[in-house]
Amino acid sequence: LADALRALGEALADTTGRRPDAEALHAALDREAAADAVLADLWAARS
């Protein structure tokens, strides 16, 4: 899956002209993890 995602990233870079480095990708993943943590909190507090 990592190889498939890397290939997808290259394809998207060809479309957008942007090739983010590892630091930018990690920063984006940090934001996604924070959003998923809030999602988990919402389910825990559902009642």
All heavy atoms as atom14 arrays in JSON, in Angstrom:
{
  "sequence": "LADALRALGEALADTTGRRPDAEALHAALDREAAADAVLADLWAARS",
  "atom14_mask": [
    [1, 1, 1, 1, 1, 1, 1, 1, 0, 0, 0, 0, 0, 0],
    [1, 1, 1, 1, 1, 0, 0, 0, 0, 0, 0, 0, 0, 0],
    [1, 1, 1, 1, 1, 1, 1, 1, 0, 0, 0, 0, 0, 0],
    [1, 1, 1, 1, 1, 0, 0, 0, 0, 0, 0, 0, 0, 0],
    [1, 1, 1, 1, 1, 1, 1, 1, 0, 0, 0, 0, 0, 0],
    [1, 1, 1, 1, 1, 1, 1, 1, 1, 1, 1, 0, 0, 0],
    [1, 1, 1, 1, 1, 0, 0, 0, 0, 0, 0, 0, 0, 0],
    [1, 1, 1, 1, 1, 1, 1, 1, 0, 0, 0, 0, 0, 0],
    [1, 1, 1, 1, 0, 0, 0, 0, 0, 0, 0, 0, 0, 0],
    [1, 1, 1, 1, 1, 1, 1, 1, 1, 0, 0, 0, 0, 0],
    [1, 1, 1, 1, 1, 0, 0, 0, 0, 0, 0, 0, 0, 0],
    [1, 1, 1, 1, 1, 1, 1, 1, 0, 0, 0, 0, 0, 0],
    [1, 1, 1, 1, 1, 0, 0, 0, 0, 0, 0, 0, 0, 0],
    [1, 1, 1, 1, 1, 1, 1, 1, 0, 0, 0, 0, 0, 0],
    [1, 1, 1, 1, 1, 1, 1, 0, 0, 0, 0, 0, 0, 0],
    [1, 1, 1, 1, 1, 1, 1, 0, 0, 0, 0, 0, 0, 0],
    [1, 1, 1, 1, 0, 0, 0, 0, 0, 0, 0, 0, 0, 0],
    [1, 1, 1, 1, 1, 1, 1, 1, 1, 1, 1, 0, 0, 0],
    [1, 1, 1, 1, 1, 1, 1, 1, 1, 1, 1, 0, 0, 0],
    [1, 1, 1, 1, 1, 1, 1, 0, 0, 0, 0, 0, 0, 0],
    [1, 1, 1, 1, 1, 1, 1, 1, 0, 0, 0, 0, 0, 0],
    [1, 1, 1, 1, 1, 0, 0, 0, 0, 0, 0, 0, 0, 0],
    [1, 1, 1, 1, 1, 1, 1, 1, 1, 0, 0, 0, 0, 0],
    [1, 1, 1, 1, 1, 0, 0, 0, 0, 0, 0, 0, 0, 0],
    [1, 1, 1, 1, 1, 1, 1, 1, 0, 0, 0, 0, 0, 0],
    [1, 1, 1, 1, 1, 1, 1, 1, 1, 1, 0, 0, 0, 0],
    [1, 1, 1, 1, 1, 0, 0, 0, 0, 0, 0, 0, 0, 0],
    [1, 1, 1, 1, 1, 0, 0, 0, 0, 0, 0, 0, 0, 0],
    [1, 1, 1, 1, 1, 1, 1, 1, 0, 0, 0, 0, 0, 0],
    [1, 1, 1, 1, 1, 1, 1, 1, 0, 0, 0, 0, 0, 0],
    [1, 1, 1, 1, 1, 1, 1, 1, 1, 1, 1, 0, 0, 0],
    [1, 1, 1, 1, 1, 1, 1, 1, 1, 0, 0, 0, 0, 0],
    [1, 1, 1, 1, 1, 0, 0, 0, 0, 0, 0, 0, 0, 0],
    [1, 1, 1, 1, 1, 0, 0, 0, 0, 0, 0, 0, 0, 0],
    [1, 1, 1, 1, 1, 0, 0, 0, 0, 0, 0, 0, 0, 0],
    [1, 1, 1, 1, 1, 1, 1, 1, 0, 0, 0, 0, 0, 0],
    [1, 1, 1, 1, 1, 0, 0, 0, 0, 0, 0, 0, 0, 0],
    [1, 1, 1, 1, 1, 1, 1, 0, 0, 0, 0, 0, 0, 0],
    [1, 1, 1, 1, 1, 1, 1, 1, 0, 0, 0, 0, 0, 0],
    [1, 1, 1, 1, 1, 0, 0, 0, 0, 0, 0, 0, 0, 0],
    [1, 1, 1, 1, 1, 1, 1, 1, 0, 0, 0, 0, 0, 0],
    [1, 1, 1, 1, 1, 1, 1, 1, 0, 0, 0, 0, 0, 0],
    [1, 1, 1, 1, 1, 1, 1, 1, 1, 1, 1, 1, 1, 1],
    [1, 1, 1, 1, 1, 0, 0, 0, 0, 0, 0, 0, 0, 0],
    [1, 1, 1, 1, 1, 0, 0, 0, 0, 0, 0, 0, 0, 0],
    [1, 1, 1, 1, 1, 1, 1, 1, 1, 1, 1, 0, 0, 0],
    [1, 1, 1, 1, 1, 1, 0, 0, 0, 0, 0, 0, 0, 0]
  ],
  "atom14_positions": [
    [[0.82, -1.2, 0.0], [0.0, 0.0, 0.0], [0.86, 1.26, 0.0], [0.52, 2.25, -0.65], [-0.94, -0.01, 1.2], [-1.94, 1.16, 1.29], [-2.75, 1.29, 0.0], [-2.86, 0.99, 2.48], [0.0, 0.0, 0.0], [0.0, 0.0, 0.0], [0.0, 0.0, 0.0], [0.0, 0.0, 0.0], [0.0, 0.0, 0.0], [0.0, 0.0, 0.0]],
    [[1.98, 1.24, 0.71], [2.87, 2.4, 0.71], [3.38, 2.69, -0.71], [3.43, 3.85, -1.14], [4.05, 2.17, 1.66], [0.0, 0.0, 0.0], [0.0, 0.0, 0.0], [0.0, 0.0, 0.0], [0.0, 0.0, 0.0], [0.0, 0.0, 0.0], [0.0, 0.0, 0.0], [0.0, 0.0, 0.0], [0.0, 0.0, 0.0], [0.0, 0.0, 0.0]],
    [[3.74, 1.64, -1.44], [4.19, 1.82, -2.82], [3.06, 2.36, -3.69], [3.28, 3.22, -4.55], [4.7, 0.5, -3.4], [6.05, 0.1, -2.83], [6.74, 0.97, -2.26], [6.42, -1.09, -2.95], [0.0, 0.0, 0.0], [0.0, 0.0, 0.0], [0.0, 0.0, 0.0], [0.0, 0.0, 0.0], [0.0, 0.0, 0.0], [0.0, 0.0, 0.0]],
    [[1.83, 1.85, -3.48], [0.69, 2.33, -4.26], [0.4, 3.8, -3.96], [0.09, 4.58, -4.87], [-0.54, 1.47, -3.96], [0.0, 0.0, 0.0], [0.0, 0.0, 0.0], [0.0, 0.0, 0.0], [0.0, 0.0, 0.0], [0.0, 0.0, 0.0], [0.0, 0.0, 0.0], [0.0, 0.0, 0.0], [0.0, 0.0, 0.0], [0.0, 0.0, 0.0]],
    [[0.5, 4.18, -2.69], [0.26, 5.58, -2.31], [1.36, 6.48, -2.87], [1.09, 7.61, -3.31], [0.2, 5.7, -0.8], [-1.01, 5.06, -0.13], [-0.83, 5.04, 1.39], [-2.3, 5.8, -0.49], [0.0, 0.0, 0.0], [0.0, 0.0, 0.0], [0.0, 0.0, 0.0], [0.0, 0.0, 0.0], [0.0, 0.0, 0.0], [0.0, 0.0, 0.0]],
    [[2.59, 6.0, -2.87], [3.7, 6.78, -3.42], [3.49, 7.02, -4.92], [3.7, 8.14, -5.41], [5.02, 6.05, -3.16], [6.26, 6.88, -3.51], [7.53, 6.13, -3.16], [7.7, 5.99, -1.73], [7.54, 4.85, -1.06], [7.19, 3.74, -1.69], [7.74, 4.81, 0.24], [0.0, 0.0, 0.0], [0.0, 0.0, 0.0], [0.0, 0.0, 0.0]],
    [[3.03, 5.98, -5.62], [2.76, 6.12, -7.05], [1.61, 7.09, -7.29], [1.64, 7.9, -8.23], [2.44, 4.76, -7.66], [0.0, 0.0, 0.0], [0.0, 0.0, 0.0], [0.0, 0.0, 0.0], [0.0, 0.0, 0.0], [0.0, 0.0, 0.0], [0.0, 0.0, 0.0], [0.0, 0.0, 0.0], [0.0, 0.0, 0.0], [0.0, 0.0, 0.0]],
    [[0.58, 7.02, -6.44], [-0.53, 7.96, -6.55], [-0.05, 9.38, -6.31], [-0.46, 10.32, -7.02], [-1.63, 7.59, -5.55], [-2.81, 8.55, -5.46], [-3.55, 8.66, -6.78], [-3.78, 8.11, -4.35], [0.0, 0.0, 0.0], [0.0, 0.0, 0.0], [0.0, 0.0, 0.0], [0.0, 0.0, 0.0], [0.0, 0.0, 0.0], [0.0, 0.0, 0.0]],
    [[0.83, 9.55, -5.32], [1.38, 10.88, -5.05], [2.11, 11.45, -6.24], [2.0, 12.64, -6.56], [0.0, 0.0, 0.0], [0.0, 0.0, 0.0], [0.0, 0.0, 0.0], [0.0, 0.0, 0.0], [0.0, 0.0, 0.0], [0.0, 0.0, 0.0], [0.0, 0.0, 0.0], [0.0, 0.0, 0.0], [0.0, 0.0, 0.0], [0.0, 0.0, 0.0]],
    [[2.88, 10.6, -6.93], [3.6, 11.06, -8.12], [2.63, 11.45, -9.22], [2.83, 12.45, -9.92], [4.54, 9.95, -8.61], [5.79, 9.78, -7.77], [6.66, 11.03, -7.77], [6.87, 11.62, -8.85], [7.11, 11.44, -6.68], [0.0, 0.0, 0.0], [0.0, 0.0, 0.0], [0.0, 0.0, 0.0], [0.0, 0.0, 0.0], [0.0, 0.0, 0.0]],
    [[1.56, 10.67, -9.37], [0.57, 10.99, -10.4], [-0.13, 12.31, -10.09], [-0.37, 13.12, -10.99], [-0.45, 9.86, -10.51], [0.0, 0.0, 0.0], [0.0, 0.0, 0.0], [0.0, 0.0, 0.0], [0.0, 0.0, 0.0], [0.0, 0.0, 0.0], [0.0, 0.0, 0.0], [0.0, 0.0, 0.0], [0.0, 0.0, 0.0], [0.0, 0.0, 0.0]],
    [[-0.46, 12.53, -8.82], [-1.08, 13.79, -8.44], [-0.12, 14.96, -8.64], [-0.53, 16.07, -9.01], [-1.56, 13.73, -6.99], [-2.67, 12.72, -6.69], [-3.02, 12.75, -5.2], [-3.91, 13.0, -7.52], [0.0, 0.0, 0.0], [0.0, 0.0, 0.0], [0.0, 0.0, 0.0], [0.0, 0.0, 0.0], [0.0, 0.0, 0.0], [0.0, 0.0, 0.0]],
    [[1.16, 14.72, -8.37], [2.14, 15.78, -8.57], [2.24, 16.16, -10.04], [2.41, 17.34, -10.39], [3.51, 15.31, -8.05], [0.0, 0.0, 0.0], [0.0, 0.0, 0.0], [0.0, 0.0, 0.0], [0.0, 0.0, 0.0], [0.0, 0.0, 0.0], [0.0, 0.0, 0.0], [0.0, 0.0, 0.0], [0.0, 0.0, 0.0], [0.0, 0.0, 0.0]],
    [[2.11, 15.17, -10.93], [2.13, 15.48, -12.36], [0.94, 16.34, -12.75], [1.03, 17.18, -13.65], [2.11, 14.17, -13.17], [3.41, 13.39, -13.03], [4.43, 14.01, -12.68], [3.39, 12.18, -13.3], [0.0, 0.0, 0.0], [0.0, 0.0, 0.0], [0.0, 0.0, 0.0], [0.0, 0.0, 0.0], [0.0, 0.0, 0.0], [0.0, 0.0, 0.0]],
    [[-0.2, 16.15, -12.06], [-1.41, 16.91, -12.36], [-1.35, 18.31, -11.79], [-1.72, 19.28, -12.46], [-2.66, 16.18, -11.81], [-2.78, 14.9, -12.44], [-3.92, 16.99, -12.05], [0.0, 0.0, 0.0], [0.0, 0.0, 0.0], [0.0, 0.0, 0.0], [0.0, 0.0, 0.0], [0.0, 0.0, 0.0], [0.0, 0.0, 0.0], [0.0, 0.0, 0.0]],
    [[-0.88, 18.44, -10.55], [-0.93, 19.73, -9.86], [0.36, 20.53, -9.96], [0.36, 21.73, -9.68], [-1.24, 19.51, -8.37], [-0.15, 18.79, -7.76], [-2.52, 18.71, -8.2], [0.0, 0.0, 0.0], [0.0, 0.0, 0.0], [0.0, 0.0, 0.0], [0.0, 0.0, 0.0], [0.0, 0.0, 0.0], [0.0, 0.0, 0.0], [0.0, 0.0, 0.0]],
    [[1.45, 19.87, -10.3], [2.74, 20.55, -10.33], [3.35, 20.75, -8.96], [4.35, 21.46, -8.82], [0.0, 0.0, 0.0], [0.0, 0.0, 0.0], [0.0, 0.0, 0.0], [0.0, 0.0, 0.0], [0.0, 0.0, 0.0], [0.0, 0.0, 0.0], [0.0, 0.0, 0.0], [0.0, 0.0, 0.0], [0.0, 0.0, 0.0], [0.0, 0.0, 0.0]],
    [[2.82, 20.11, -7.94], [3.33, 20.22, -6.57], [3.87, 18.88, -6.12], [3.19, 17.86, -6.25], [2.23, 20.66, -5.6], [1.69, 22.06, -5.85], [0.42, 22.26, -5.04], [-0.11, 23.6, -5.14], [0.06, 24.56, -4.24], [0.75, 24.3, -3.14], [-0.45, 25.76, -4.41], [0.0, 0.0, 0.0], [0.0, 0.0, 0.0], [0.0, 0.0, 0.0]],
    [[5.07, 18.88, -5.58], [5.65, 17.66, -5.04], [6.06, 17.91, -3.59], [7.18, 18.32, -3.3], [6.86, 17.22, -5.87], [6.48, 16.48, -7.13], [7.68, 15.97, -7.92], [7.27, 15.0, -8.91], [6.68, 15.32, -10.07], [6.46, 16.6, -10.36], [6.31, 14.38, -10.92], [0.0, 0.0, 0.0], [0.0, 0.0, 0.0], [0.0, 0.0, 0.0]],
    [[5.14, 17.71, -2.66], [5.44, 17.99, -1.25], [6.54, 17.09, -0.72], [6.63, 15.91, -1.1], [4.1, 17.72, -0.55], [3.37, 16.79, -1.46], [3.78, 17.18, -2.85], [0.0, 0.0, 0.0], [0.0, 0.0, 0.0], [0.0, 0.0, 0.0], [0.0, 0.0, 0.0], [0.0, 0.0, 0.0], [0.0, 0.0, 0.0], [0.0, 0.0, 0.0]],
    [[7.35, 17.63, 0.17], [8.41, 16.83, 0.77], [7.86, 16.06, 1.97], [6.68, 16.2, 2.36], [9.6, 17.7, 1.17], [9.24, 18.82, 2.14], [8.16, 18.73, 2.78], [10.02, 19.78, 2.25], [0.0, 0.0, 0.0], [0.0, 0.0, 0.0], [0.0, 0.0, 0.0], [0.0, 0.0, 0.0], [0.0, 0.0, 0.0], [0.0, 0.0, 0.0]],
    [[8.73, 15.26, 2.59], [8.3, 14.42, 3.71], [7.78, 15.26, 4.87], [6.81, 14.87, 5.54], [9.46, 13.53, 4.17], [0.0, 0.0, 0.0], [0.0, 0.0, 0.0], [0.0, 0.0, 0.0], [0.0, 0.0, 0.0], [0.0, 0.0, 0.0], [0.0, 0.0, 0.0], [0.0, 0.0, 0.0], [0.0, 0.0, 0.0], [0.0, 0.0, 0.0]],
    [[8.4, 16.41, 5.13], [7.96, 17.25, 6.24], [6.53, 17.73, 6.04], [5.71, 17.7, 6.96], [8.9, 18.45, 6.37], [8.55, 19.37, 7.53], [9.49, 20.55, 7.66], [10.43, 20.65, 6.85], [9.27, 21.38, 8.57], [0.0, 0.0, 0.0], [0.0, 0.0, 0.0], [0.0, 0.0, 0.0], [0.0, 0.0, 0.0], [0.0, 0.0, 0.0]],
    [[6.2, 18.16, 4.81], [4.84, 18.63, 4.52], [3.84, 17.48, 4.62], [2.73, 17.66, 5.13], [4.79, 19.25, 3.13], [0.0, 0.0, 0.0], [0.0, 0.0, 0.0], [0.0, 0.0, 0.0], [0.0, 0.0, 0.0], [0.0, 0.0, 0.0], [0.0, 0.0, 0.0], [0.0, 0.0, 0.0], [0.0, 0.0, 0.0], [0.0, 0.0, 0.0]],
    [[4.23, 16.31, 4.18], [3.32, 15.15, 4.26], [3.07, 14.76, 5.71], [1.93, 14.45, 6.09], [3.91, 13.98, 3.48], [3.95, 14.15, 1.95], [4.73, 13.0, 1.31], [2.55, 14.23, 1.37], [0.0, 0.0, 0.0], [0.0, 0.0, 0.0], [0.0, 0.0, 0.0], [0.0, 0.0, 0.0], [0.0, 0.0, 0.0], [0.0, 0.0, 0.0]],
    [[4.11, 14.76, 6.52], [3.92, 14.43, 7.94], [3.04, 15.46, 8.63], [2.21, 15.12, 9.49], [5.27, 14.33, 8.64], [5.95, 13.01, 8.47], [5.37, 11.81, 8.85], [7.18, 12.69, 7.97], [6.2, 10.81, 8.59], [7.29, 11.31, 8.05], [0.0, 0.0, 0.0], [0.0, 0.0, 0.0], [0.0, 0.0, 0.0], [0.0, 0.0, 0.0]],
    [[3.22, 16.73, 8.29], [2.38, 17.78, 8.89], [0.92, 17.55, 8.54], [0.02, 17.72, 9.39], [2.84, 19.15, 8.42], [0.0, 0.0, 0.0], [0.0, 0.0, 0.0], [0.0, 0.0, 0.0], [0.0, 0.0, 0.0], [0.0, 0.0, 0.0], [0.0, 0.0, 0.0], [0.0, 0.0, 0.0], [0.0, 0.0, 0.0], [0.0, 0.0, 0.0]],
    [[0.66, 17.16, 7.3], [-0.71, 16.87, 6.88], [-1.27, 15.67, 7.64], [-2.42, 15.67, 8.07], [-0.77, 16.63, 5.37], [0.0, 0.0, 0.0], [0.0, 0.0, 0.0], [0.0, 0.0, 0.0], [0.0, 0.0, 0.0], [0.0, 0.0, 0.0], [0.0, 0.0, 0.0], [0.0, 0.0, 0.0], [0.0, 0.0, 0.0], [0.0, 0.0, 0.0]],
    [[-0.46, 14.63, 7.81], [-0.9, 13.45, 8.54], [-1.15, 13.77, 10.02], [-2.04, 13.19, 10.65], [0.13, 12.33, 8.4], [0.19, 11.68, 7.02], [1.37, 10.72, 6.93], [-1.1, 10.94, 6.72], [0.0, 0.0, 0.0], [0.0, 0.0, 0.0], [0.0, 0.0, 0.0], [0.0, 0.0, 0.0], [0.0, 0.0, 0.0], [0.0, 0.0, 0.0]],
    [[-0.38, 14.68, 10.57], [-0.63, 15.11, 11.95], [-2.01, 15.76, 12.07], [-2.74, 15.54, 13.05], [0.45, 16.12, 12.41], [1.79, 15.46, 12.63], [1.85, 14.23, 12.79], [2.81, 16.2, 12.65], [0.0, 0.0, 0.0], [0.0, 0.0, 0.0], [0.0, 0.0, 0.0], [0.0, 0.0, 0.0], [0.0, 0.0, 0.0], [0.0, 0.0, 0.0]],
    [[-2.37, 16.58, 11.08], [-3.68, 17.23, 11.11], [-4.8, 16.2, 10.96], [-5.84, 16.3, 11.62], [-3.76, 18.28, 10.0], [-2.85, 19.48, 10.21], [-3.19, 20.61, 9.26], [-2.91, 20.26, 7.87], [-1.73, 20.43, 7.27], [-0.71, 20.94, 7.96], [-1.57, 20.13, 6.01], [0.0, 0.0, 0.0], [0.0, 0.0, 0.0], [0.0, 0.0, 0.0]],
    [[-4.59, 15.21, 10.1], [-5.6, 14.16, 9.93], [-5.76, 13.35, 11.22], [-6.88, 12.99, 11.61], [-5.22, 13.24, 8.78], [-5.15, 13.91, 7.42], [-6.47, 14.49, 6.97], [-7.53, 13.95, 7.36], [-6.46, 15.5, 6.23], [0.0, 0.0, 0.0], [0.0, 0.0, 0.0], [0.0, 0.0, 0.0], [0.0, 0.0, 0.0], [0.0, 0.0, 0.0]],
    [[-4.66, 13.06, 11.9], [-4.73, 12.32, 13.16], [-5.48, 13.12, 14.22], [-6.26, 12.56, 15.0], [-3.32, 11.98, 13.65], [0.0, 0.0, 0.0], [0.0, 0.0, 0.0], [0.0, 0.0, 0.0], [0.0, 0.0, 0.0], [0.0, 0.0, 0.0], [0.0, 0.0, 0.0], [0.0, 0.0, 0.0], [0.0, 0.0, 0.0], [0.0, 0.0, 0.0]],
    [[-5.26, 14.44, 14.25], [-5.98, 15.28, 15.21], [-7.49, 15.26, 14.92], [-8.31, 15.2, 15.85], [-5.45, 16.71, 15.15], [0.0, 0.0, 0.0], [0.0, 0.0, 0.0], [0.0, 0.0, 0.0], [0.0, 0.0, 0.0], [0.0, 0.0, 0.0], [0.0, 0.0, 0.0], [0.0, 0.0, 0.0], [0.0, 0.0, 0.0], [0.0, 0.0, 0.0]],
    [[-7.85, 15.29, 13.64], [-9.27, 15.24, 13.28], [-9.88, 13.89, 13.65], [-11.01, 13.81, 14.15], [-9.44, 15.5, 11.78], [0.0, 0.0, 0.0], [0.0, 0.0, 0.0], [0.0, 0.0, 0.0], [0.0, 0.0, 0.0], [0.0, 0.0, 0.0], [0.0, 0.0, 0.0], [0.0, 0.0, 0.0], [0.0, 0.0, 0.0], [0.0, 0.0, 0.0]],
    [[-9.14, 12.81, 13.44], [-9.66, 11.49, 13.8], [-9.8, 11.33, 15.31], [-10.7, 10.63, 15.79], [-8.75, 10.39, 13.24], [-8.94, 10.21, 11.74], [-9.96, 10.67, 11.21], [-8.06, 9.61, 11.09], [0.0, 0.0, 0.0], [0.0, 0.0, 0.0], [0.0, 0.0, 0.0], [0.0, 0.0, 0.0], [0.0, 0.0, 0.0], [0.0, 0.0, 0.0]],
    [[-8.92, 11.98, 16.06], [-9.04, 11.94, 17.53], [-10.32, 12.63, 17.98], [-11.02, 12.16, 18.89], [-7.82, 12.59, 18.17], [0.0, 0.0, 0.0], [0.0, 0.0, 0.0], [0.0, 0.0, 0.0], [0.0, 0.0, 0.0], [0.0, 0.0, 0.0], [0.0, 0.0, 0.0], [0.0, 0.0, 0.0], [0.0, 0.0, 0.0], [0.0, 0.0, 0.0]],
    [[-10.65, 13.77, 17.35], [-11.9, 14.46, 17.68], [-13.09, 13.61, 17.27], [-14.11, 13.53, 17.99], [-11.95, 15.84, 16.99], [-13.34, 16.47, 17.11], [-10.9, 16.77, 17.6], [0.0, 0.0, 0.0], [0.0, 0.0, 0.0], [0.0, 0.0, 0.0], [0.0, 0.0, 0.0], [0.0, 0.0, 0.0], [0.0, 0.0, 0.0], [0.0, 0.0, 0.0]],
    [[-13.0, 12.93, 16.13], [-14.07, 12.04, 15.69], [-14.32, 10.94, 16.72], [-15.46, 10.63, 17.06], [-13.72, 11.44, 14.34], [-14.76, 10.52, 13.7], [-16.05, 11.27, 13.43], [-14.21, 9.91, 12.41], [0.0, 0.0, 0.0], [0.0, 0.0, 0.0], [0.0, 0.0, 0.0], [0.0, 0.0, 0.0], [0.0, 0.0, 0.0], [0.0, 0.0, 0.0]],
    [[-13.24, 10.37, 17.24], [-13.38, 9.33, 18.27], [-14.02, 9.91, 19.54], [-14.85, 9.26, 20.18], [-12.01, 8.74, 18.59], [0.0, 0.0, 0.0], [0.0, 0.0, 0.0], [0.0, 0.0, 0.0], [0.0, 0.0, 0.0], [0.0, 0.0, 0.0], [0.0, 0.0, 0.0], [0.0, 0.0, 0.0], [0.0, 0.0, 0.0], [0.0, 0.0, 0.0]],
    [[-13.64, 11.14, 19.9], [-14.24, 11.78, 21.08], [-15.73, 12.01, 20.89], [-16.52, 11.87, 21.84], [-13.54, 13.11, 21.37], [-12.12, 12.95, 21.88], [-11.79, 11.85, 22.35], [-11.35, 13.93, 21.81], [0.0, 0.0, 0.0], [0.0, 0.0, 0.0], [0.0, 0.0, 0.0], [0.0, 0.0, 0.0], [0.0, 0.0, 0.0], [0.0, 0.0, 0.0]],
    [[-16.15, 12.37, 19.68], [-17.56, 12.58, 19.41], [-18.35, 11.3, 19.61], [-19.44, 11.3, 20.2], [-17.76, 13.11, 17.99], [-17.35, 14.57, 17.75], [-17.33, 14.89, 16.26], [-18.31, 15.53, 18.48], [0.0, 0.0, 0.0], [0.0, 0.0, 0.0], [0.0, 0.0, 0.0], [0.0, 0.0, 0.0], [0.0, 0.0, 0.0], [0.0, 0.0, 0.0]],
    [[-17.81, 10.19, 19.14], [-18.51, 8.92, 19.33], [-18.53, 8.52, 20.81], [-19.53, 8.01, 21.31], [-17.88, 7.82, 18.48], [-18.4, 7.84, 17.08], [-17.76, 8.18, 15.93], [-19.74, 7.51, 16.69], [-18.59, 8.1, 14.86], [-19.81, 7.69, 15.29], [-20.88, 7.09, 17.37], [-20.98, 7.45, 14.56], [-22.05, 6.86, 16.66], [-22.1, 7.03, 15.27]],
    [[-17.44, 8.78, 21.51], [-17.41, 8.44, 22.94], [-18.43, 9.25, 23.73], [-18.96, 8.78, 24.74], [-16.0, 8.66, 23.49], [0.0, 0.0, 0.0], [0.0, 0.0, 0.0], [0.0, 0.0, 0.0], [0.0, 0.0, 0.0], [0.0, 0.0, 0.0], [0.0, 0.0, 0.0], [0.0, 0.0, 0.0], [0.0, 0.0, 0.0], [0.0, 0.0, 0.0]],
    [[-18.71, 10.48, 23.25], [-19.64, 11.36, 23.97], [-21.04, 11.33, 23.39], [-21.89, 12.13, 23.76], [-19.12, 12.8, 23.92], [0.0, 0.0, 0.0], [0.0, 0.0, 0.0], [0.0, 0.0, 0.0], [0.0, 0.0, 0.0], [0.0, 0.0, 0.0], [0.0, 0.0, 0.0], [0.0, 0.0, 0.0], [0.0, 0.0, 0.0], [0.0, 0.0, 0.0]],
    [[-21.31, 10.39, 22.5], [-22.58, 10.42, 21.75], [-23.81, 10.55, 22.65], [-24.7, 11.37, 22.4], [-22.71, 9.13, 20.91], [-24.09, 8.96, 20.23], [-24.36, 10.1, 19.26], [-25.71, 10.09, 18.69], [-26.61, 11.01, 18.93], [-26.37, 11.99, 19.79], [-27.79, 10.97, 18.33], [0.0, 0.0, 0.0], [0.0, 0.0, 0.0], [0.0, 0.0, 0.0]],
    [[-23.89, 9.77, 23.7], [-25.09, 9.77, 24.54], [-25.32, 11.1, 25.25], [-26.43, 11.39, 25.69], [-25.0, 8.65, 25.58], [-24.96, 7.39, 24.96], [0.0, 0.0, 0.0], [0.0, 0.0, 0.0], [0.0, 0.0, 0.0], [0.0, 0.0, 0.0], [0.0, 0.0, 0.0], [0.0, 0.0, 0.0], [0.0, 0.0, 0.0], [0.0, 0.0, 0.0]]
  ]
}
